[in-house]
């Protein structure tokens, strides 16, 4: 019997500015991502199991990864994608604002340096930023860029798909 896919849900916060649509994304924390930029950012998200609804998990993970609840509003489901590691990610978009300077991420522990026996704590997201859609496409984990296309399509229904 095949092992079920790991499930993850996230909340893509967006806002309209003079420069166009901006999205709130986070740079992944920990030593593996420390010196990477392109492909090292993520929509705030996290794992959930079959006993939790994806939307509830997305709201929960937003608060865990950013230290404050998502703004009030009705999210738009942007569907799901399967990332290269096999994880199935469901993302919801929500229009609102958030002061990225106030973000405080939850942490994870790992042995670092590897093989040292020393356990260190790292933030899941070491920084967050508002980015325009084009810069976000280059910074996000590759599979997650699909959600930017879907958000754009939702906001501009007549726009052809990329």
N, C-alpha and C. Protein backbone atom coordinates (compact mmCIF):
# COMPACT_ATOMS: atom_id res chain seq x y z
N UNK A 1 0.84 -1.19 0.00
CA UNK A 1 0.00 0.00 0.00
C UNK A 1 0.88 1.24 0.00
N UNK A 2 0.56 2.20 -0.85
CA UNK A 2 1.36 3.42 -0.97
C UNK A 2 1.19 4.30 0.26
N UNK A 3 2.28 4.92 0.63
CA UNK A 3 2.25 5.86 1.75
C UNK A 3 1.49 7.11 1.29
N UNK A 4 0.53 7.60 2.12
CA UNK A 4 -0.21 8.79 1.70
C UNK A 4 0.72 10.01 1.62
N UNK A 5 0.38 10.92 0.70
CA UNK A 5 1.18 12.13 0.53
C UNK A 5 1.08 13.00 1.78
N UNK A 6 2.16 13.68 2.11
CA UNK A 6 2.13 14.66 3.19
C UNK A 6 1.34 15.86 2.68
N UNK A 7 0.50 16.40 3.56
CA UNK A 7 -0.36 17.52 3.21
C UNK A 7 0.11 18.79 3.89
N UNK A 8 0.05 19.88 3.18
CA UNK A 8 0.45 21.17 3.72
C UNK A 8 -0.54 22.21 3.21
N UNK A 9 -0.83 23.21 4.05
CA UNK A 9 -1.75 24.28 3.65
C UNK A 9 -1.15 25.62 4.02
N UNK A 10 -1.42 26.61 3.17
CA UNK A 10 -0.86 27.93 3.42
C UNK A 10 -1.80 29.04 3.04
N UNK A 11 -1.45 30.24 3.55
CA UNK A 11 -2.23 31.44 3.28
C UNK A 11 -1.35 32.45 2.56
N UNK A 12 -1.74 32.78 1.33
CA UNK A 12 -1.03 33.78 0.54
C UNK A 12 -1.74 35.11 0.71
N UNK A 13 -1.17 35.96 1.54
CA UNK A 13 -1.74 37.28 1.77
C UNK A 13 -1.31 38.17 0.61
N UNK A 14 -2.26 38.95 0.08
CA UNK A 14 -1.91 39.87 -1.01
C UNK A 14 -2.53 41.23 -0.74
N UNK A 15 -1.93 42.23 -1.37
CA UNK A 15 -2.45 43.60 -1.27
C UNK A 15 -2.22 44.30 -2.60
N UNK A 16 -2.99 45.34 -2.82
CA UNK A 16 -2.86 46.14 -4.03
C UNK A 16 -2.09 47.41 -3.66
N UNK A 17 -1.08 47.73 -4.44
CA UNK A 17 -0.28 48.93 -4.18
C UNK A 17 -0.13 49.71 -5.49
N UNK A 18 0.53 50.84 -5.42
CA UNK A 18 0.78 51.63 -6.62
C UNK A 18 1.62 50.84 -7.63
N UNK A 19 2.40 49.87 -7.14
CA UNK A 19 3.24 49.04 -8.02
C UNK A 19 2.51 47.81 -8.55
N UNK A 20 1.26 47.61 -8.13
CA UNK A 20 0.50 46.44 -8.56
C UNK A 20 0.23 45.52 -7.39
N UNK A 21 0.01 44.26 -7.67
CA UNK A 21 -0.27 43.26 -6.63
C UNK A 21 1.04 42.88 -5.95
N UNK A 22 1.01 42.83 -4.62
CA UNK A 22 2.15 42.36 -3.83
C UNK A 22 1.68 41.20 -2.97
N UNK A 23 2.57 40.26 -2.72
CA UNK A 23 2.27 39.10 -1.89
C UNK A 23 3.26 39.02 -0.73
N UNK A 24 2.80 38.47 0.39
CA UNK A 24 3.65 38.32 1.56
C UNK A 24 4.23 36.91 1.56
N UNK A 25 5.55 36.82 1.48
CA UNK A 25 6.23 35.53 1.46
C UNK A 25 7.36 35.54 2.48
N UNK A 26 7.82 34.35 2.85
CA UNK A 26 8.86 34.25 3.86
C UNK A 26 10.07 33.47 3.36
N UNK A 27 11.25 33.91 3.81
CA UNK A 27 12.49 33.21 3.51
C UNK A 27 12.63 32.06 4.51
N UNK A 28 12.87 30.87 4.01
CA UNK A 28 12.95 29.69 4.89
C UNK A 28 14.18 29.77 5.78
N UNK A 29 13.98 29.43 7.04
CA UNK A 29 15.04 29.51 8.03
C UNK A 29 15.88 28.25 8.08
N UNK A 30 16.97 28.34 8.81
CA UNK A 30 17.86 27.21 9.00
C UNK A 30 19.09 27.30 8.12
N UNK A 31 20.10 26.53 8.46
CA UNK A 31 21.38 26.64 7.77
C UNK A 31 21.35 26.28 6.29
N UNK A 32 20.48 25.37 5.87
CA UNK A 32 20.44 24.97 4.47
C UNK A 32 20.07 26.15 3.57
N UNK A 33 19.18 27.02 4.05
CA UNK A 33 18.66 28.13 3.24
C UNK A 33 19.39 29.44 3.47
N UNK A 34 20.27 29.50 4.45
CA UNK A 34 20.88 30.76 4.91
C UNK A 34 21.49 31.59 3.79
N UNK A 35 22.17 30.98 2.85
CA UNK A 35 22.86 31.73 1.79
C UNK A 35 22.16 31.63 0.44
N UNK A 36 20.92 31.17 0.46
CA UNK A 36 20.16 31.05 -0.78
C UNK A 36 19.07 32.13 -0.82
N UNK A 37 18.74 32.55 -2.02
CA UNK A 37 17.65 33.51 -2.18
C UNK A 37 16.64 32.99 -3.21
N UNK A 38 17.07 32.82 -4.46
CA UNK A 38 16.17 32.29 -5.48
C UNK A 38 15.74 30.88 -5.10
N UNK A 39 14.44 30.64 -5.07
CA UNK A 39 13.91 29.33 -4.72
C UNK A 39 13.95 29.01 -3.24
N UNK A 40 14.26 30.00 -2.40
CA UNK A 40 14.39 29.76 -0.96
C UNK A 40 13.29 30.45 -0.15
N UNK A 41 12.28 30.93 -0.81
CA UNK A 41 11.16 31.60 -0.15
C UNK A 41 9.92 30.73 -0.28
N UNK A 42 8.97 30.94 0.62
CA UNK A 42 7.78 30.11 0.64
C UNK A 42 6.56 30.93 1.06
N UNK A 43 5.42 30.47 0.64
CA UNK A 43 4.16 30.97 1.17
C UNK A 43 4.08 30.44 2.60
N UNK A 44 3.67 31.24 3.59
CA UNK A 44 3.54 30.70 4.95
C UNK A 44 2.59 29.52 4.96
N UNK A 45 3.11 28.37 5.33
CA UNK A 45 2.33 27.13 5.25
C UNK A 45 2.88 26.11 6.23
N UNK A 46 2.16 25.03 6.38
CA UNK A 46 2.63 23.94 7.23
C UNK A 46 1.76 22.72 7.07
N UNK A 47 2.23 21.64 7.66
CA UNK A 47 1.55 20.36 7.50
C UNK A 47 0.28 20.25 8.34
N UNK A 48 -0.61 19.44 7.85
CA UNK A 48 -1.84 19.10 8.58
C UNK A 48 -2.19 17.66 8.23
N UNK A 49 -3.14 17.09 8.98
CA UNK A 49 -3.54 15.71 8.67
C UNK A 49 -4.99 15.68 8.22
N UNK A 50 -5.46 14.49 7.93
CA UNK A 50 -6.81 14.33 7.36
C UNK A 50 -7.92 14.71 8.33
N UNK A 51 -7.59 14.94 9.62
CA UNK A 51 -8.59 15.32 10.61
C UNK A 51 -8.79 16.84 10.68
N UNK A 52 -8.02 17.61 9.92
CA UNK A 52 -8.13 19.07 9.93
C UNK A 52 -8.46 19.54 8.51
N UNK A 53 -9.30 20.55 8.41
CA UNK A 53 -9.62 21.14 7.11
C UNK A 53 -8.42 21.96 6.63
N UNK A 54 -8.17 21.95 5.34
CA UNK A 54 -7.04 22.68 4.77
C UNK A 54 -7.11 24.18 5.09
N UNK A 55 -8.29 24.77 4.99
CA UNK A 55 -8.41 26.21 5.24
C UNK A 55 -8.09 26.52 6.71
N UNK A 56 -8.58 25.71 7.64
CA UNK A 56 -8.28 25.92 9.06
C UNK A 56 -6.78 25.80 9.29
N UNK A 57 -6.15 24.83 8.63
CA UNK A 57 -4.70 24.65 8.76
C UNK A 57 -3.95 25.86 8.21
N UNK A 58 -4.43 26.42 7.10
CA UNK A 58 -3.79 27.59 6.50
C UNK A 58 -3.81 28.78 7.47
N UNK A 59 -4.96 29.02 8.10
CA UNK A 59 -5.06 30.10 9.08
C UNK A 59 -4.15 29.83 10.28
N UNK A 60 -4.14 28.59 10.77
CA UNK A 60 -3.30 28.22 11.91
C UNK A 60 -1.82 28.42 11.59
N UNK A 61 -1.42 27.94 10.43
CA UNK A 61 -0.01 28.03 10.03
C UNK A 61 0.43 29.48 9.81
N UNK A 62 -0.45 30.31 9.28
CA UNK A 62 -0.11 31.73 9.12
C UNK A 62 0.28 32.31 10.48
N UNK A 63 -0.56 32.05 11.48
CA UNK A 63 -0.29 32.59 12.81
C UNK A 63 0.98 31.98 13.41
N UNK A 64 1.20 30.68 13.24
CA UNK A 64 2.40 30.05 13.78
C UNK A 64 3.66 30.59 13.12
N UNK A 65 3.62 30.79 11.81
CA UNK A 65 4.83 31.20 11.09
C UNK A 65 5.09 32.69 11.13
N UNK A 66 4.05 33.50 11.42
CA UNK A 66 4.24 34.95 11.42
C UNK A 66 4.00 35.59 12.78
N UNK A 67 3.47 34.82 13.74
CA UNK A 67 3.31 35.33 15.09
C UNK A 67 2.08 36.18 15.32
N UNK A 68 1.18 36.26 14.36
CA UNK A 68 -0.06 37.02 14.50
C UNK A 68 -1.09 36.39 13.55
N UNK A 69 -2.37 36.51 13.90
CA UNK A 69 -3.38 35.93 13.01
C UNK A 69 -3.46 36.64 11.67
N UNK A 70 -3.95 35.92 10.69
CA UNK A 70 -4.20 36.51 9.37
C UNK A 70 -5.31 37.54 9.51
N UNK A 71 -5.32 38.55 8.66
CA UNK A 71 -6.41 39.54 8.71
C UNK A 71 -7.76 38.85 8.48
N UNK A 72 -8.81 39.47 8.96
CA UNK A 72 -10.15 38.95 8.75
C UNK A 72 -10.49 39.02 7.26
N UNK A 73 -11.27 38.08 6.82
CA UNK A 73 -11.69 38.08 5.43
C UNK A 73 -12.04 36.68 4.98
N UNK A 74 -12.57 36.62 3.78
CA UNK A 74 -12.94 35.34 3.19
C UNK A 74 -11.87 34.94 2.18
N UNK A 75 -11.15 33.86 2.45
CA UNK A 75 -10.09 33.46 1.52
C UNK A 75 -10.63 32.83 0.24
N UNK A 76 -9.77 32.88 -0.77
CA UNK A 76 -10.04 32.29 -2.08
C UNK A 76 -9.16 31.04 -2.17
N UNK A 77 -9.74 29.91 -2.51
CA UNK A 77 -8.93 28.70 -2.67
C UNK A 77 -8.22 28.74 -4.02
N UNK A 78 -6.90 28.63 -3.98
CA UNK A 78 -6.10 28.61 -5.21
C UNK A 78 -5.73 27.18 -5.62
N UNK A 79 -6.33 26.21 -4.96
CA UNK A 79 -6.10 24.82 -5.33
C UNK A 79 -4.86 24.24 -4.71
N UNK A 80 -4.36 23.20 -5.33
CA UNK A 80 -3.20 22.50 -4.77
C UNK A 80 -2.17 22.24 -5.85
N UNK A 81 -0.93 22.02 -5.41
CA UNK A 81 0.17 21.57 -6.27
C UNK A 81 0.96 20.52 -5.51
N UNK A 82 1.61 19.67 -6.26
CA UNK A 82 2.51 18.68 -5.66
C UNK A 82 3.93 19.20 -5.86
N UNK A 83 4.63 19.42 -4.74
CA UNK A 83 6.01 19.88 -4.81
C UNK A 83 6.93 18.72 -5.19
N UNK A 84 8.16 19.05 -5.55
CA UNK A 84 9.10 18.04 -6.04
C UNK A 84 9.34 16.92 -5.03
N UNK A 85 9.24 17.20 -3.74
CA UNK A 85 9.43 16.17 -2.71
C UNK A 85 8.20 15.31 -2.49
N UNK A 86 7.10 15.61 -3.22
CA UNK A 86 5.88 14.81 -3.11
C UNK A 86 4.82 15.42 -2.21
N UNK A 87 5.15 16.45 -1.44
CA UNK A 87 4.17 17.08 -0.56
C UNK A 87 3.10 17.78 -1.39
N UNK A 88 1.83 17.59 -1.00
CA UNK A 88 0.71 18.24 -1.67
C UNK A 88 0.37 19.50 -0.88
N UNK A 89 0.49 20.65 -1.53
CA UNK A 89 0.28 21.94 -0.88
C UNK A 89 -1.00 22.58 -1.41
N UNK A 90 -1.89 22.96 -0.49
CA UNK A 90 -3.12 23.67 -0.80
C UNK A 90 -2.94 25.10 -0.29
N UNK A 91 -3.26 26.08 -1.14
CA UNK A 91 -3.07 27.48 -0.75
C UNK A 91 -4.36 28.26 -0.94
N UNK A 92 -4.58 29.15 0.02
CA UNK A 92 -5.70 30.08 -0.01
C UNK A 92 -5.13 31.48 -0.10
N UNK A 93 -5.79 32.36 -0.85
CA UNK A 93 -5.35 33.75 -0.96
C UNK A 93 -6.32 34.61 -0.16
N UNK A 94 -5.77 35.63 0.48
CA UNK A 94 -6.57 36.52 1.29
C UNK A 94 -6.04 37.94 1.11
N UNK A 95 -6.92 38.86 0.77
CA UNK A 95 -6.50 40.25 0.63
C UNK A 95 -6.44 40.89 2.01
N UNK A 96 -5.36 41.59 2.29
CA UNK A 96 -5.21 42.25 3.57
C UNK A 96 -3.81 42.80 3.72
N UNK A 97 -3.55 43.36 4.87
CA UNK A 97 -2.24 43.94 5.11
C UNK A 97 -1.64 43.29 6.35
N UNK A 98 -0.33 43.35 6.44
CA UNK A 98 0.40 42.78 7.57
C UNK A 98 1.73 43.51 7.65
N UNK A 99 2.11 43.94 8.84
CA UNK A 99 3.39 44.61 9.02
C UNK A 99 4.48 43.54 9.14
N UNK A 100 5.23 43.38 8.06
CA UNK A 100 6.25 42.32 8.02
C UNK A 100 7.33 42.50 9.08
N UNK A 101 7.50 43.71 9.58
CA UNK A 101 8.51 43.97 10.62
C UNK A 101 8.13 43.34 11.96
N UNK A 102 6.85 43.01 12.13
CA UNK A 102 6.39 42.44 13.40
C UNK A 102 6.38 40.91 13.38
N UNK A 103 6.72 40.31 12.27
CA UNK A 103 6.65 38.85 12.15
C UNK A 103 7.63 38.16 13.09
N UNK A 104 7.13 37.16 13.80
CA UNK A 104 7.96 36.33 14.68
C UNK A 104 7.57 34.89 14.40
N UNK A 105 8.47 34.14 13.82
CA UNK A 105 8.17 32.77 13.40
C UNK A 105 8.36 31.78 14.54
N UNK A 106 7.62 30.67 14.45
CA UNK A 106 7.90 29.56 15.36
C UNK A 106 9.24 28.95 14.95
N UNK A 107 9.75 28.03 15.73
CA UNK A 107 11.09 27.49 15.48
C UNK A 107 11.06 25.97 15.34
N UNK A 108 12.16 25.44 14.83
CA UNK A 108 12.36 23.99 14.78
C UNK A 108 13.78 23.72 15.27
N UNK A 109 14.01 22.51 15.71
CA UNK A 109 15.33 22.13 16.19
C UNK A 109 15.95 21.10 15.27
N UNK A 110 17.27 21.20 15.12
CA UNK A 110 18.01 20.21 14.34
C UNK A 110 19.45 20.18 14.81
N UNK A 111 20.10 19.08 14.53
CA UNK A 111 21.51 18.96 14.85
C UNK A 111 22.30 19.82 13.87
N UNK A 112 23.08 20.77 14.40
CA UNK A 112 23.89 21.62 13.54
C UNK A 112 25.12 22.09 14.28
N UNK A 113 26.29 21.99 13.68
CA UNK A 113 26.56 21.36 12.40
C UNK A 113 26.25 19.84 12.43
N UNK A 114 25.90 19.34 11.27
CA UNK A 114 25.53 17.94 11.15
C UNK A 114 26.66 17.05 11.67
N UNK A 115 26.28 16.10 12.49
CA UNK A 115 27.26 15.18 13.06
C UNK A 115 27.94 15.69 14.32
N UNK A 116 27.59 16.93 14.75
CA UNK A 116 28.26 17.53 15.92
C UNK A 116 27.65 17.10 17.24
N UNK A 117 26.40 16.60 17.20
CA UNK A 117 25.70 16.28 18.43
C UNK A 117 25.08 17.50 19.09
N UNK A 118 25.26 18.67 18.50
CA UNK A 118 24.72 19.92 19.04
C UNK A 118 23.35 20.20 18.40
N UNK A 119 22.33 20.36 19.23
CA UNK A 119 21.00 20.67 18.75
C UNK A 119 20.79 22.18 18.83
N UNK A 120 20.43 22.77 17.71
CA UNK A 120 20.19 24.21 17.67
C UNK A 120 18.76 24.48 17.22
N UNK A 121 18.28 25.65 17.55
CA UNK A 121 16.94 26.08 17.21
C UNK A 121 17.02 27.13 16.10
N UNK A 122 16.14 27.01 15.11
CA UNK A 122 16.10 27.94 13.98
C UNK A 122 14.66 28.34 13.71
N UNK A 123 14.43 29.59 13.24
CA UNK A 123 13.06 29.99 12.88
C UNK A 123 12.64 29.29 11.59
N UNK A 124 11.36 28.95 11.50
CA UNK A 124 10.88 28.36 10.24
C UNK A 124 10.99 29.35 9.10
N UNK A 125 10.69 30.62 9.38
CA UNK A 125 10.90 31.70 8.42
C UNK A 125 11.82 32.71 9.10
N UNK A 126 12.95 33.03 8.48
CA UNK A 126 13.87 33.96 9.14
C UNK A 126 13.60 35.41 8.77
N UNK A 127 12.80 35.66 7.74
CA UNK A 127 12.34 37.01 7.41
C UNK A 127 11.17 36.89 6.44
N UNK A 128 10.35 37.92 6.42
CA UNK A 128 9.22 37.97 5.50
C UNK A 128 9.27 39.30 4.76
N UNK A 129 8.67 39.32 3.58
CA UNK A 129 8.69 40.54 2.78
C UNK A 129 7.48 40.57 1.85
N UNK A 130 7.07 41.78 1.54
CA UNK A 130 6.08 42.00 0.49
C UNK A 130 6.83 42.11 -0.82
N UNK A 131 6.44 41.31 -1.79
CA UNK A 131 7.10 41.32 -3.10
C UNK A 131 6.05 41.42 -4.20
N UNK A 132 6.42 42.10 -5.28
CA UNK A 132 5.58 42.10 -6.47
C UNK A 132 5.53 40.69 -7.03
N UNK A 133 4.58 40.42 -7.90
CA UNK A 133 4.41 39.06 -8.43
C UNK A 133 5.64 38.57 -9.19
N UNK A 134 6.26 39.41 -10.00
CA UNK A 134 7.42 38.95 -10.77
C UNK A 134 8.61 38.62 -9.86
N UNK A 135 9.01 39.50 -8.92
CA UNK A 135 10.11 39.12 -8.03
C UNK A 135 9.76 37.87 -7.20
N UNK A 136 8.50 37.76 -6.79
CA UNK A 136 8.09 36.59 -5.99
C UNK A 136 8.25 35.30 -6.79
N UNK A 137 7.97 35.35 -8.09
CA UNK A 137 8.12 34.14 -8.93
C UNK A 137 9.54 33.59 -8.89
N UNK A 138 10.54 34.47 -8.83
CA UNK A 138 11.93 34.00 -8.83
C UNK A 138 12.39 33.54 -7.45
N UNK A 139 11.75 34.06 -6.41
CA UNK A 139 12.19 33.73 -5.06
C UNK A 139 11.48 32.52 -4.47
N UNK A 140 10.24 32.28 -4.86
CA UNK A 140 9.47 31.16 -4.30
C UNK A 140 10.02 29.81 -4.74
N UNK A 141 9.81 28.80 -3.89
CA UNK A 141 10.03 27.42 -4.28
C UNK A 141 9.28 27.22 -5.59
N UNK A 142 9.91 26.58 -6.55
CA UNK A 142 9.40 26.52 -7.92
C UNK A 142 7.91 26.16 -8.03
N UNK A 143 7.48 25.11 -7.39
CA UNK A 143 6.09 24.67 -7.53
C UNK A 143 5.10 25.71 -7.01
N UNK A 144 5.51 26.51 -6.02
CA UNK A 144 4.59 27.49 -5.43
C UNK A 144 4.32 28.68 -6.34
N UNK A 145 5.17 28.92 -7.35
CA UNK A 145 4.93 30.02 -8.29
C UNK A 145 3.60 29.83 -9.02
N UNK A 146 3.13 28.61 -9.14
CA UNK A 146 1.84 28.31 -9.75
C UNK A 146 0.72 29.07 -9.05
N UNK A 147 0.84 29.22 -7.72
CA UNK A 147 -0.20 29.93 -6.98
C UNK A 147 -0.25 31.41 -7.34
N UNK A 148 0.87 31.99 -7.73
CA UNK A 148 0.88 33.39 -8.17
C UNK A 148 0.10 33.53 -9.48
N UNK A 149 0.31 32.57 -10.38
CA UNK A 149 -0.44 32.57 -11.64
C UNK A 149 -1.94 32.47 -11.37
N UNK A 150 -2.30 31.58 -10.46
CA UNK A 150 -3.72 31.38 -10.15
C UNK A 150 -4.32 32.62 -9.49
N UNK A 151 -3.55 33.27 -8.61
CA UNK A 151 -4.03 34.50 -7.98
C UNK A 151 -4.25 35.57 -9.04
N UNK A 152 -3.28 35.73 -9.92
CA UNK A 152 -3.38 36.71 -10.99
C UNK A 152 -4.61 36.44 -11.86
N UNK A 153 -4.83 35.18 -12.18
CA UNK A 153 -5.99 34.80 -13.01
C UNK A 153 -7.30 35.13 -12.28
N UNK A 154 -7.32 34.91 -10.97
CA UNK A 154 -8.52 35.21 -10.20
C UNK A 154 -8.80 36.71 -10.16
N UNK A 155 -7.74 37.50 -10.01
CA UNK A 155 -7.90 38.95 -9.89
C UNK A 155 -8.16 39.62 -11.24
N UNK A 156 -7.68 38.98 -12.32
CA UNK A 156 -7.87 39.50 -13.67
C UNK A 156 -8.42 38.37 -14.53
N UNK A 157 -9.73 38.07 -14.39
CA UNK A 157 -10.31 36.90 -15.06
C UNK A 157 -10.11 36.84 -16.57
N UNK A 158 -9.98 37.97 -17.24
CA UNK A 158 -9.80 37.96 -18.69
C UNK A 158 -8.37 37.71 -19.12
N UNK A 159 -7.46 37.68 -18.15
CA UNK A 159 -6.03 37.51 -18.47
C UNK A 159 -5.75 36.07 -18.87
N UNK A 160 -5.05 35.83 -19.98
CA UNK A 160 -4.74 34.46 -20.37
C UNK A 160 -3.77 33.81 -19.38
N UNK A 161 -3.90 32.51 -19.22
CA UNK A 161 -3.00 31.77 -18.34
C UNK A 161 -1.59 31.78 -18.92
N UNK A 162 -0.56 31.82 -18.06
CA UNK A 162 0.83 31.82 -18.59
C UNK A 162 1.19 30.50 -19.22
